[in-house]
Structure formats: C-alpha cells, structure tokens
Amino acid sequence: MTKIRTCRGAAKRFRITGTGKIQAYGANHGHKLGKKSMGKKKLMLKKHVLQGADARNMKRLVPYLKG
C-alpha cells in the first residue's frame, strides 16, 4: 500500500493544537483594508478553530501534521 501524501499547501496554512483541533488564520486580510474597521481587521488576524466538515477535510489533507 502506498503512503498517504500530505497536501503541502494545506500544511503551510494550518496547524494542530495540543488537543488535536485544527487552527487557521482568518480570511479577507490581504487587501482592500481601508473600508474595514480596526476591530474587524484585528479579528481577521486571529486564528480560528475549524469545525465540522472543514476539520474532517483538513485532517485528510494533512494526516501527519503535528502541533
């Protein structure tokens, strides 16, 4: 049986916490930031925990990712 391959793009963008949850940075923080409030921009910089189907899909993409 062949090895399971890690999706390298996903491995660079996500990390796993000590309890096994997957974290990702908030989206929409690349450009067009002038119209967004400071509080909104700070919220987008935080890491968010993926839930449900998103978390299951990420665990399939990065089977060997460590925290």
PDB file of N, CA and C in Angstrom:
ATOM      1  N   MET A   1       0.841  -1.182   0.000  1.00  0.00           N
ATOM      2  CA  MET A   1       0.000   0.000   0.000  1.00  0.00           C
ATOM      3  C   MET A   1       0.888   1.248   0.000  1.00  0.00           C
ATOM      4  N   THR A   2       0.491   2.241  -0.773  1.00  0.00           N
ATOM      5  CA  THR A   2       1.301   3.451  -0.877  1.00  0.00           C
ATOM      6  C   THR A   2       1.107   4.357   0.334  1.00  0.00           C
ATOM      7  N   LYS A   3       2.048   5.268   0.503  1.00  0.00           N
ATOM      8  CA  LYS A   3       1.969   6.213   1.613  1.00  0.00           C
ATOM      9  C   LYS A   3       0.892   7.258   1.341  1.00  0.00           C
ATOM     10  N   ILE A   4       0.318   7.775   2.403  1.00  0.00           N
ATOM     11  CA  ILE A   4      -0.620   8.890   2.271  1.00  0.00           C
ATOM     12  C   ILE A   4       0.205  10.154   2.119  1.00  0.00           C
ATOM     13  N   ARG A   5      -0.106  10.959   1.107  1.00  0.00           N
ATOM     14  CA  ARG A   5       0.665  12.163   0.854  1.00  0.00           C
ATOM     15  C   ARG A   5       0.033  13.349   1.573  1.00  0.00           C
ATOM     16  N   THR A   6       0.867  14.218   2.105  1.00  0.00           N
ATOM     17  CA  THR A   6       0.406  15.445   2.745  1.00  0.00           C
ATOM     18  C   THR A   6       0.280  16.525   1.689  1.00  0.00           C
ATOM     19  N   CYS A   7      -0.828  17.237   1.697  1.00  0.00           N
ATOM     20  CA  CYS A   7      -1.006  18.388   0.809  1.00  0.00           C
ATOM     21  C   CYS A   7      -0.142  19.520   1.358  1.00  0.00           C
ATOM     22  N   ARG A   8       0.938  19.859   0.665  1.00  0.00           N
ATOM     23  CA  ARG A   8       1.922  20.800   1.188  1.00  0.00           C
ATOM     24  C   ARG A   8       1.339  22.208   1.349  1.00  0.00           C
ATOM     25  N   GLY A   9       0.429  22.604   0.479  1.00  0.00           N
ATOM     26  CA  GLY A   9      -0.188  23.922   0.622  1.00  0.00           C
ATOM     27  C   GLY A   9      -1.000  24.025   1.894  1.00  0.00           C
ATOM     28  N   ALA A  10      -1.720  22.966   2.233  1.00  0.00           N
ATOM     29  CA  ALA A  10      -2.510  22.962   3.463  1.00  0.00           C
ATOM     30  C   ALA A  10      -1.612  22.878   4.689  1.00  0.00           C
ATOM     31  N   ALA A  11      -0.503  22.164   4.585  1.00  0.00           N
ATOM     32  CA  ALA A  11       0.405  22.028   5.723  1.00  0.00           C
ATOM     33  C   ALA A  11       1.017  23.368   6.106  1.00  0.00           C
ATOM     34  N   LYS A  12       1.169  24.274   5.138  1.00  0.00           N
ATOM     35  CA  LYS A  12       1.741  25.586   5.422  1.00  0.00           C
ATOM     36  C   LYS A  12       0.718  26.546   6.020  1.00  0.00           C
ATOM     37  N   ARG A  13      -0.565  26.286   5.825  1.00  0.00           N
ATOM     38  CA  ARG A  13      -1.601  27.235   6.225  1.00  0.00           C
ATOM     39  C   ARG A  13      -2.338  26.866   7.506  1.00  0.00           C
ATOM     40  N   PHE A  14      -2.212  25.631   7.956  1.00  0.00           N
ATOM     41  CA  PHE A  14      -2.957  25.170   9.119  1.00  0.00           C
ATOM     42  C   PHE A  14      -2.010  24.582  10.144  1.00  0.00           C
ATOM     43  N   ARG A  15      -2.423  24.608  11.403  1.00  0.00           N
ATOM     44  CA  ARG A  15      -1.648  23.954  12.451  1.00  0.00           C
ATOM     45  C   ARG A  15      -2.602  23.241  13.389  1.00  0.00           C
ATOM     46  N   ILE A  16      -2.077  22.247  14.099  1.00  0.00           N
ATOM     47  CA  ILE A  16      -2.893  21.455  15.007  1.00  0.00           C
ATOM     48  C   ILE A  16      -2.516  21.808  16.439  1.00  0.00           C
ATOM     49  N   THR A  17      -3.524  22.006  17.285  1.00  0.00           N
ATOM     50  CA  THR A  17      -3.292  22.329  18.687  1.00  0.00           C
ATOM     51  C   THR A  17      -2.913  21.062  19.446  1.00  0.00           C
ATOM     52  N   GLY A  18      -2.593  21.220  20.703  1.00  0.00           N
ATOM     53  CA  GLY A  18      -2.225  20.074  21.519  1.00  0.00           C
ATOM     54  C   GLY A  18      -3.361  19.101  21.729  1.00  0.00           C
ATOM     55  N   THR A  19      -4.605  19.594  21.644  1.00  0.00           N
ATOM     56  CA  THR A  19      -5.764  18.720  21.829  1.00  0.00           C
ATOM     57  C   THR A  19      -6.278  18.140  20.523  1.00  0.00           C
ATOM     58  N   GLY A  20      -5.615  18.450  19.386  1.00  0.00           N
ATOM     59  CA  GLY A  20      -5.997  17.866  18.107  1.00  0.00           C
ATOM     60  C   GLY A  20      -6.906  18.717  17.247  1.00  0.00           C
ATOM     61  N   LYS A  21      -7.201  19.940  17.676  1.00  0.00           N
ATOM     62  CA  LYS A  21      -8.036  20.824  16.865  1.00  0.00           C
ATOM     63  C   LYS A  21      -7.179  21.503  15.805  1.00  0.00           C
ATOM     64  N   ILE A  22      -7.802  21.845  14.674  1.00  0.00           N
ATOM     65  CA  ILE A  22      -7.072  22.475  13.580  1.00  0.00           C
ATOM     66  C   ILE A  22      -7.365  23.969  13.582  1.00  0.00           C
ATOM     67  N   GLN A  23      -6.292  24.776  13.522  1.00  0.00           N
ATOM     68  CA  GLN A  23      -6.431  26.224  13.521  1.00  0.00           C
ATOM     69  C   GLN A  23      -6.054  26.781  12.161  1.00  0.00           C
ATOM     70  N   ALA A  24      -6.732  27.875  11.778  1.00  0.00           N
ATOM     71  CA  ALA A  24      -6.422  28.586  10.550  1.00  0.00           C
ATOM     72  C   ALA A  24      -6.555  30.076  10.816  1.00  0.00           C
ATOM     73  N   TYR A  25      -5.824  30.874  10.048  1.00  0.00           N
ATOM     74  CA  TYR A  25      -5.952  32.320  10.168  1.00  0.00           C
ATOM     75  C   TYR A  25      -7.234  32.779   9.488  1.00  0.00           C
ATOM     76  N   GLY A  26      -7.749  33.926   9.914  1.00  0.00           N
ATOM     77  CA  GLY A  26      -8.949  34.489   9.317  1.00  0.00           C
ATOM     78  C   GLY A  26      -8.713  34.922   7.881  1.00  0.00           C
ATOM     79  N   ALA A  27      -9.745  34.861   7.083  1.00  0.00           N
ATOM     80  CA  ALA A  27      -9.649  35.233   5.675  1.00  0.00           C
ATOM     81  C   ALA A  27      -9.894  36.730   5.496  1.00  0.00           C
ATOM     82  N   ASN A  28      -9.747  37.209   4.274  1.00  0.00           N
ATOM     83  CA  ASN A  28     -10.054  38.587   3.869  1.00  0.00           C
ATOM     84  C   ASN A  28      -9.157  39.614   4.537  1.00  0.00           C
ATOM     85  N   HIS A  29      -7.895  39.292   4.754  1.00  0.00           N
ATOM     86  CA  HIS A  29      -6.990  40.264   5.363  1.00  0.00           C
ATOM     87  C   HIS A  29      -5.802  40.537   4.447  1.00  0.00           C
ATOM     88  N   GLY A  30      -5.985  40.397   3.145  1.00  0.00           N
ATOM     89  CA  GLY A  30      -4.875  40.601   2.225  1.00  0.00           C
ATOM     90  C   GLY A  30      -4.823  41.982   1.620  1.00  0.00           C
ATOM     91  N   HIS A  31      -5.970  42.495   1.197  1.00  0.00           N
ATOM     92  CA  HIS A  31      -6.018  43.814   0.576  1.00  0.00           C
ATOM     93  C   HIS A  31      -7.422  44.373   0.741  1.00  0.00           C
ATOM     94  N   LYS A  32      -7.623  45.588   0.281  1.00  0.00           N
ATOM     95  CA  LYS A  32      -8.885  46.326   0.446  1.00  0.00           C
ATOM     96  C   LYS A  32      -9.238  46.467   1.927  1.00  0.00           C
ATOM     97  N   LEU A  33      -8.261  46.903   2.709  1.00  0.00           N
ATOM     98  CA  LEU A  33      -8.467  47.008   4.146  1.00  0.00           C
ATOM     99  C   LEU A  33      -8.917  48.397   4.577  1.00  0.00           C
ATOM    100  N   GLY A  34      -8.933  49.356   3.661  1.00  0.00           N
ATOM    101  CA  GLY A  34      -9.278  50.729   4.033  1.00  0.00           C
ATOM    102  C   GLY A  34     -10.694  50.886   4.526  1.00  0.00           C
ATOM    103  N   LYS A  35     -11.612  50.128   3.974  1.00  0.00           N
ATOM    104  CA  LYS A  35     -13.022  50.272   4.357  1.00  0.00           C
ATOM    105  C   LYS A  35     -13.403  49.439   5.580  1.00  0.00           C
ATOM    106  N   LYS A  36     -12.480  48.606   6.053  1.00  0.00           N
ATOM    107  CA  LYS A  36     -12.781  47.750   7.205  1.00  0.00           C
ATOM    108  C   LYS A  36     -12.342  48.434   8.498  1.00  0.00           C
ATOM    109  N   SER A  37     -13.112  48.235   9.540  1.00  0.00           N
ATOM    110  CA  SER A  37     -12.795  48.865  10.821  1.00  0.00           C
ATOM    111  C   SER A  37     -11.596  48.167  11.471  1.00  0.00           C
ATOM    112  N   MET A  38     -10.983  48.856  12.428  1.00  0.00           N
ATOM    113  CA  MET A  38      -9.809  48.299  13.097  1.00  0.00           C
ATOM    114  C   MET A  38     -10.168  47.027  13.864  1.00  0.00           C
ATOM    115  N   GLY A  39     -11.329  47.023  14.502  1.00  0.00           N
ATOM    116  CA  GLY A  39     -11.744  45.828  15.232  1.00  0.00           C
ATOM    117  C   GLY A  39     -11.937  44.637  14.317  1.00  0.00           C
ATOM    118  N   LYS A  40     -12.506  44.884  13.135  1.00  0.00           N
ATOM    119  CA  LYS A  40     -12.711  43.811  12.154  1.00  0.00           C
ATOM    120  C   LYS A  40     -11.369  43.254  11.683  1.00  0.00           C
ATOM    121  N   LYS A  41     -10.407  44.146  11.454  1.00  0.00           N
ATOM    122  CA  LYS A  41      -9.091  43.703  10.999  1.00  0.00           C
ATOM    123  C   LYS A  41      -8.373  42.890  12.073  1.00  0.00           C
ATOM    124  N   LYS A  42      -8.525  43.278  13.324  1.00  0.00           N
ATOM    125  CA  LYS A  42      -7.893  42.523  14.406  1.00  0.00           C
ATOM    126  C   LYS A  42      -8.519  41.141  14.545  1.00  0.00           C
ATOM    127  N   LEU A  43      -9.831  41.049  14.355  1.00  0.00           N
ATOM    128  CA  LEU A  43     -10.499  39.750  14.413  1.00  0.00           C
ATOM    129  C   LEU A  43     -10.019  38.828  13.296  1.00  0.00           C
ATOM    130  N   MET A  44      -9.768  39.405  12.113  1.00  0.00           N
ATOM    131  CA  MET A  44      -9.336  38.592  10.982  1.00  0.00           C
ATOM    132  C   MET A  44      -7.916  38.072  11.163  1.00  0.00           C
ATOM    133  N   LEU A  45      -7.106  38.737  11.986  1.00  0.00           N
ATOM    134  CA  LEU A  45      -5.736  38.288  12.210  1.00  0.00           C
ATOM    135  C   LEU A  45      -5.660  37.100  13.160  1.00  0.00           C
ATOM    136  N   LYS A  46      -6.688  36.887  13.952  1.00  0.00           N
ATOM    137  CA  LYS A  46      -6.681  35.800  14.928  1.00  0.00           C
ATOM    138  C   LYS A  46      -6.784  34.441  14.246  1.00  0.00           C
ATOM    139  N   LYS A  47      -6.343  33.428  14.965  1.00  0.00           N
ATOM    140  CA  LYS A  47      -6.511  32.065  14.477  1.00  0.00           C
ATOM    141  C   LYS A  47      -7.892  31.573  14.867  1.00  0.00           C
ATOM    142  N   HIS A  48      -8.519  30.835  13.961  1.00  0.00           N
ATOM    143  CA  HIS A  48      -9.846  30.292  14.204  1.00  0.00           C
ATOM    144  C   HIS A  48      -9.768  28.775  14.192  1.00  0.00           C
ATOM    145  N   VAL A  49     -10.560  28.138  15.025  1.00  0.00           N
ATOM    146  CA  VAL A  49     -10.603  26.677  15.076  1.00  0.00           C
ATOM    147  C   VAL A  49     -11.624  26.190  14.056  1.00  0.00           C
ATOM    148  N   LEU A  50     -11.197  25.272  13.187  1.00  0.00           N
ATOM    149  CA  LEU A  50     -12.108  24.707  12.194  1.00  0.00           C
ATOM    150  C   LEU A  50     -13.037  23.706  12.863  1.00  0.00           C
ATOM    151  N   GLN A  51     -14.272  23.653  12.380  1.00  0.00           N
ATOM    152  CA  GLN A  51     -15.258  22.764  12.978  1.00  0.00           C
ATOM    153  C   GLN A  51     -15.968  21.956  11.902  1.00  0.00           C
ATOM    154  N   GLY A  52     -16.517  20.832  12.310  1.00  0.00           N
ATOM    155  CA  GLY A  52     -17.380  20.029  11.447  1.00  0.00           C
ATOM    156  C   GLY A  52     -16.662  19.468  10.240  1.00  0.00           C
ATOM    157  N   ALA A  53     -17.297  19.642   9.076  1.00  0.00           N
ATOM    158  CA  ALA A  53     -16.789  19.066   7.835  1.00  0.00           C
ATOM    159  C   ALA A  53     -15.452  19.679   7.437  1.00  0.00           C
ATOM    160  N   ASP A  54     -15.247  20.974   7.740  1.00  0.00           N
ATOM    161  CA  ASP A  54     -13.967  21.607   7.412  1.00  0.00           C
ATOM    162  C   ASP A  54     -12.818  20.918   8.143  1.00  0.00           C
ATOM    163  N   ALA A  55     -13.004  20.624   9.408  1.00  0.00           N
ATOM    164  CA  ALA A  55     -11.957  19.969  10.192  1.00  0.00           C
ATOM    165  C   ALA A  55     -11.687  18.559   9.673  1.00  0.00           C
ATOM    166  N   ARG A  56     -12.734  17.829   9.323  1.00  0.00           N
ATOM    167  CA  ARG A  56     -12.548  16.470   8.796  1.00  0.00           C
ATOM    168  C   ARG A  56     -11.774  16.497   7.483  1.00  0.00           C
ATOM    169  N   ASN A  57     -12.109  17.436   6.602  1.00  0.00           N
ATOM    170  CA  ASN A  57     -11.417  17.528   5.316  1.00  0.00           C
ATOM    171  C   ASN A  57      -9.949  17.891   5.500  1.00  0.00           C
ATOM    172  N   MET A  58      -9.655  18.787   6.425  1.00  0.00           N
ATOM    173  CA  MET A  58      -8.266  19.172   6.666  1.00  0.00           C
ATOM    174  C   MET A  58      -7.464  18.017   7.242  1.00  0.00           C
ATOM    175  N   LYS A  59      -8.072  17.208   8.095  1.00  0.00           N
ATOM    176  CA  LYS A  59      -7.353  16.065   8.657  1.00  0.00           C
ATOM    177  C   LYS A  59      -7.013  15.043   7.578  1.00  0.00           C
ATOM    178  N   ARG A  60      -7.815  14.979   6.533  1.00  0.00           N
ATOM    179  CA  ARG A  60      -7.491  14.096   5.411  1.00  0.00           C
ATOM    180  C   ARG A  60      -6.354  14.672   4.573  1.00  0.00           C
ATOM    181  N   LEU A  61      -6.308  16.006   4.442  1.00  0.00           N
ATOM    182  CA  LEU A  61      -5.266  16.633   3.629  1.00  0.00           C
ATOM    183  C   LEU A  61      -3.906  16.607   4.317  1.00  0.00           C
ATOM    184  N   VAL A  62      -3.903  16.707   5.642  1.00  0.00           N
ATOM    185  CA  VAL A  62      -2.636  16.763   6.385  1.00  0.00           C
ATOM    186  C   VAL A  62      -2.617  15.665   7.453  1.00  0.00           C
ATOM    187  N   PRO A  63      -2.470  14.406   7.048  1.00  0.00           N
ATOM    188  CA  PRO A  63      -2.587  13.305   8.009  1.00  0.00           C
ATOM    189  C   PRO A  63      -1.457  13.251   9.034  1.00  0.00           C
ATOM    190  N   TYR A  64      -0.275  13.783   8.702  1.00  0.00           N
ATOM    191  CA  TYR A  64       0.872  13.664   9.603  1.00  0.00           C
ATOM    192  C   TYR A  64       1.248  14.981  10.262  1.00  0.00           C
ATOM    193  N   LEU A  65       0.413  16.005  10.140  1.00  0.00           N
ATOM    194  CA  LEU A  65       0.743  17.331  10.676  1.00  0.00           C
ATOM    195  C   LEU A  65       0.785  17.298  12.196  1.00  0.00           C
ATOM    196  N   LYS A  66       1.833  17.878  12.749  1.00  0.00           N
ATOM    197  CA  LYS A  66       1.996  17.949  14.202  1.00  0.00           C
ATOM    198  C   LYS A  66       1.777  19.380  14.663  1.00  0.00           C
ATOM    199  N   GLY A  67       1.513  19.553  15.951  1.00  0.00           N
ATOM    200  CA  GLY A  67       1.237  20.865  16.521  1.00  0.00           C
ATOM    201  C   GLY A  67       2.431  21.724  16.719  1.00  0.00           C
TER     202      GLY A  67
END
